[in-house]
Protein backbone atom coordinates (compact mmCIF):
# COMPACT_ATOMS: atom_id res chain seq x y z
CA THR A 1 -15.57 30.27 6.02
CA ARG A 2 -16.38 33.15 4.37
CA ASN A 3 -15.59 34.15 0.87
CA TYR A 4 -13.16 37.12 0.48
CA LYS A 5 -12.02 38.92 -2.61
CA ASN A 6 -8.43 38.84 -3.26
CA GLU A 7 -7.65 42.58 -4.76
CA LYS A 8 -4.74 41.18 -5.92
CA THR A 9 -6.16 38.51 -7.85
CA GLY A 10 -9.60 39.38 -8.27
CA VAL A 11 -10.16 36.19 -7.37
CA TRP A 12 -12.91 34.97 -4.34
CA GLU A 13 -11.17 32.76 -1.39
CA LYS A 14 -12.78 31.35 1.39
CA ARG A 15 -10.92 32.31 4.46
CA PRO A 16 -12.04 31.00 8.05
CA TYR A 17 -13.45 33.92 10.15
CA TYR A 18 -14.37 34.15 13.76
CA THR A 19 -17.31 35.75 15.78
CA ILE A 20 -18.00 36.75 18.60
CA GLU A 21 -21.20 35.55 21.46
CA ASP A 22 -21.29 37.80 24.07
CA SER A 23 -22.03 35.30 27.12
CA PHE A 24 -21.98 38.28 29.37
CA PRO A 25 -24.26 41.22 27.45
CA TYR A 26 -23.03 44.03 30.04
CA GLY A 27 -21.28 46.62 28.22
CA HIS A 28 -17.72 46.73 27.22
CA GLY A 29 -16.63 49.57 29.77
CA GLU A 30 -18.75 48.39 32.47
CA LYS A 31 -18.45 44.78 32.12
CA SER A 32 -14.75 45.51 32.50
CA VAL A 33 -15.14 48.07 35.75
CA PHE A 34 -17.37 44.91 37.40
CA LEU A 35 -14.81 41.94 36.77
CA ILE A 36 -11.90 43.90 38.07
CA GLU A 37 -14.39 44.74 40.79
CA ARG A 38 -14.72 41.56 41.88
CA PHE A 39 -10.86 40.76 43.02
CA MET A 40 -9.94 44.35 43.81
CA ARG A 41 -11.53 47.80 44.68
CA LEU A 42 -11.51 50.97 42.63
CA LYS A 43 -11.19 54.34 43.13
CA THR A 44 -14.20 56.26 41.53
CA SER A 45 -12.16 58.14 39.22
CA GLU A 46 -10.43 54.79 37.98
CA ALA A 47 -14.12 53.13 37.64
CA VAL A 48 -15.12 56.25 35.51
CA ALA A 49 -11.82 55.95 33.07
CA ILE A 50 -12.42 52.15 32.57
CA ARG A 51 -16.17 52.58 31.52
CA TRP A 52 -15.26 55.55 29.53
CA HIS A 53 -11.85 54.70 27.47
CA MET A 54 -13.52 54.37 24.57
CA GLY A 55 -15.48 57.34 24.33
CA GLY A 56 -17.50 58.50 21.27
CA PHE A 57 -16.30 54.94 20.08
CA ASP A 58 -18.88 54.06 22.57
CA ASP A 59 -22.83 52.46 22.17
CA ALA A 60 -23.94 54.54 24.75
CA VAL A 61 -22.71 57.69 23.40
CA LYS A 62 -23.58 56.65 19.41
CA GLY A 63 -26.88 56.63 20.89
CA GLY A 64 -27.34 60.37 22.49
CA CYS A 65 -26.21 59.60 25.58
CA TYR A 66 -24.16 62.85 27.21
CA SER A 67 -23.15 61.47 30.40
CA ILE A 68 -19.07 61.05 28.67
CA SER A 69 -19.01 64.58 28.72
CA ARG A 70 -19.59 64.95 32.33
CA ALA A 71 -17.67 62.24 33.21
CA TYR A 72 -14.30 63.79 31.30
CA GLU A 73 -14.74 67.14 33.00
CA LYS A 74 -15.02 65.41 36.28
CA TYR A 75 -12.37 62.98 36.08
CA PRO A 76 -9.06 64.29 33.81
CA LEU A 77 -7.98 60.25 34.29
CA ALA A 78 -10.98 59.34 32.07
CA VAL A 79 -9.81 61.44 29.34
CA LYS A 80 -6.43 60.41 29.84
CA LEU A 81 -6.84 57.02 29.34
CA HIS A 82 -8.77 57.65 26.51
CA LEU A 83 -6.47 59.08 24.67
CA SER A 84 -3.93 56.50 25.68
CA ASP A 85 -6.29 53.96 24.20
CA LEU A 86 -6.44 55.79 21.50
CA GLU A 87 -2.29 56.43 20.79
CA SER A 88 -2.34 52.76 21.44
CA THR A 89 -4.65 51.44 19.06
CA TYR A 90 -3.85 54.03 15.78
CA LEU A 91 -0.03 54.89 16.38
CA ARG A 92 1.62 52.41 18.43
CA GLU A 93 -0.66 49.18 17.32
CA LYS A 94 -1.57 50.63 13.59
CA GLY A 95 -4.74 49.23 14.23
CA THR A 96 -3.56 45.51 14.95
CA SER A 97 -3.08 43.61 18.26
CA GLU A 98 1.04 43.54 17.43
CA VAL A 99 3.05 45.49 18.95
CA PRO A 100 6.16 46.62 17.30
CA HIS A 101 9.06 45.68 18.65
CA ARG A 102 11.89 48.42 19.05
């Protein structure tokens, strides 16, 4: 458990938490492409789109990599997948893992 301050009461409480042990540290997008291609062939545009779907949140971009710009220029699908990922996360799911029922 981890200590957490309840904002309403001001009291510290113990809450369960989780950690992630990445047994295959290959990169989020790269790992997705690698795992998918074990079962089916991807087109180049699909592989690039999956690789760069995190956009500016990708660790390579945070580290100063400019390849994402070239990927987005050359493969419009990559831009579309990134935008749909943002829409899903921030507009539909509102930062949660729950999709609202319509």
